[in-house]
Amino acid sequence: MLHWMVKVGNYVALQSLYFLSQKALEVKGDWSLEDIGI
Protein backbone atom coordinates (compact mmCIF):
# COMPACT_ATOMS: atom_id res chain seq x y z
CA MET A 1 0.00 0.00 0.00
CA LEU A 2 2.78 2.41 0.93
CA HIS A 3 4.68 1.63 -2.29
CA TRP A 4 1.52 2.40 -4.30
CA MET A 5 1.10 5.72 -2.47
CA VAL A 6 4.72 6.63 -3.20
CA LYS A 7 4.17 5.83 -6.88
CA VAL A 8 1.07 8.02 -7.04
CA GLY A 9 2.85 10.78 -5.11
CA ASN A 10 5.77 10.73 -7.53
CA TYR A 11 3.40 10.82 -10.52
CA VAL A 12 1.47 13.79 -9.13
CA ALA A 13 4.73 15.57 -8.28
CA LEU A 14 6.02 15.04 -11.82
CA GLN A 15 2.77 16.34 -13.31
CA SER A 16 2.96 19.43 -11.08
CA LEU A 17 6.61 20.05 -11.97
CA TYR A 18 5.81 19.68 -15.67
CA PHE A 19 2.90 22.11 -15.42
CA LEU A 20 4.96 24.64 -13.45
CA SER A 21 7.89 24.34 -15.86
CA GLN A 22 5.57 24.96 -18.81
CA LYS A 23 4.19 28.08 -17.10
CA ALA A 24 7.72 29.21 -16.25
CA LEU A 25 8.75 28.77 -19.89
CA GLU A 26 5.80 30.86 -21.05
CA VAL A 27 6.71 33.67 -18.66
CA LYS A 28 10.40 33.33 -19.45
CA GLY A 29 9.58 33.41 -23.16
CA ASP A 30 7.70 36.68 -22.73
CA TRP A 31 10.61 38.17 -20.78
CA SER A 32 13.10 36.99 -23.41
CA LEU A 33 11.12 38.68 -26.18
CA GLU A 34 11.01 41.93 -24.21
CA ASP A 35 14.74 41.73 -23.46
CA ILE A 36 15.55 41.25 -27.13
CA GLY A 37 13.29 44.16 -27.98
CA ILE A 38 11.15 42.44 -30.62
C-alpha atoms as a PDB file:
ATOM      1  CA  MET A   1       0.000   0.000   0.000  1.00  0.00           C
ATOM      2  CA  LEU A   2       2.781   2.406   0.931  1.00  0.00           C
ATOM      3  CA  HIS A   3       4.684   1.627  -2.285  1.00  0.00           C
ATOM      4  CA  TRP A   4       1.523   2.402  -4.296  1.00  0.00           C
ATOM      5  CA  MET A   5       1.101   5.716  -2.472  1.00  0.00           C
ATOM      6  CA  VAL A   6       4.720   6.629  -3.202  1.00  0.00           C
ATOM      7  CA  LYS A   7       4.171   5.827  -6.881  1.00  0.00           C
ATOM      8  CA  VAL A   8       1.066   8.025  -7.040  1.00  0.00           C
ATOM      9  CA  GLY A   9       2.854  10.783  -5.109  1.00  0.00           C
ATOM     10  CA  ASN A  10       5.765  10.727  -7.531  1.00  0.00           C
ATOM     11  CA  TYR A  11       3.397  10.816 -10.522  1.00  0.00           C
ATOM     12  CA  VAL A  12       1.473  13.792  -9.125  1.00  0.00           C
ATOM     13  CA  ALA A  13       4.731  15.571  -8.275  1.00  0.00           C
ATOM     14  CA  LEU A  14       6.022  15.045 -11.819  1.00  0.00           C
ATOM     15  CA  GLN A  15       2.769  16.344 -13.305  1.00  0.00           C
ATOM     16  CA  SER A  16       2.958  19.429 -11.076  1.00  0.00           C
ATOM     17  CA  LEU A  17       6.607  20.046 -11.967  1.00  0.00           C
ATOM     18  CA  TYR A  18       5.814  19.681 -15.669  1.00  0.00           C
ATOM     19  CA  PHE A  19       2.903  22.107 -15.416  1.00  0.00           C
ATOM     20  CA  LEU A  20       4.957  24.640 -13.453  1.00  0.00           C
ATOM     21  CA  SER A  21       7.889  24.345 -15.861  1.00  0.00           C
ATOM     22  CA  GLN A  22       5.570  24.956 -18.810  1.00  0.00           C
ATOM     23  CA  LYS A  23       4.191  28.077 -17.098  1.00  0.00           C
ATOM     24  CA  ALA A  24       7.724  29.214 -16.249  1.00  0.00           C
ATOM     25  CA  LEU A  25       8.754  28.773 -19.891  1.00  0.00           C
ATOM     26  CA  GLU A  26       5.801  30.857 -21.050  1.00  0.00           C
ATOM     27  CA  VAL A  27       6.708  33.670 -18.662  1.00  0.00           C
ATOM     28  CA  LYS A  28      10.404  33.331 -19.455  1.00  0.00           C
ATOM     29  CA  GLY A  29       9.584  33.413 -23.164  1.00  0.00           C
ATOM     30  CA  ASP A  30       7.704  36.681 -22.732  1.00  0.00           C
ATOM     31  CA  TRP A  31      10.613  38.172 -20.785  1.00  0.00           C
ATOM     32  CA  SER A  32      13.097  36.992 -23.415  1.00  0.00           C
ATOM     33  CA  LEU A  33      11.125  38.679 -26.184  1.00  0.00           C
ATOM     34  CA  GLU A  34      11.014  41.927 -24.207  1.00  0.00           C
ATOM     35  CA  ASP A  35      14.735  41.726 -23.460  1.00  0.00           C
ATOM     36  CA  ILE A  36      15.550  41.251 -27.133  1.00  0.00           C
ATOM     37  CA  GLY A  37      13.286  44.161 -27.984  1.00  0.00           C
ATOM     38  CA  ILE A  38      11.151  42.441 -30.621  1.00  0.00           C
END
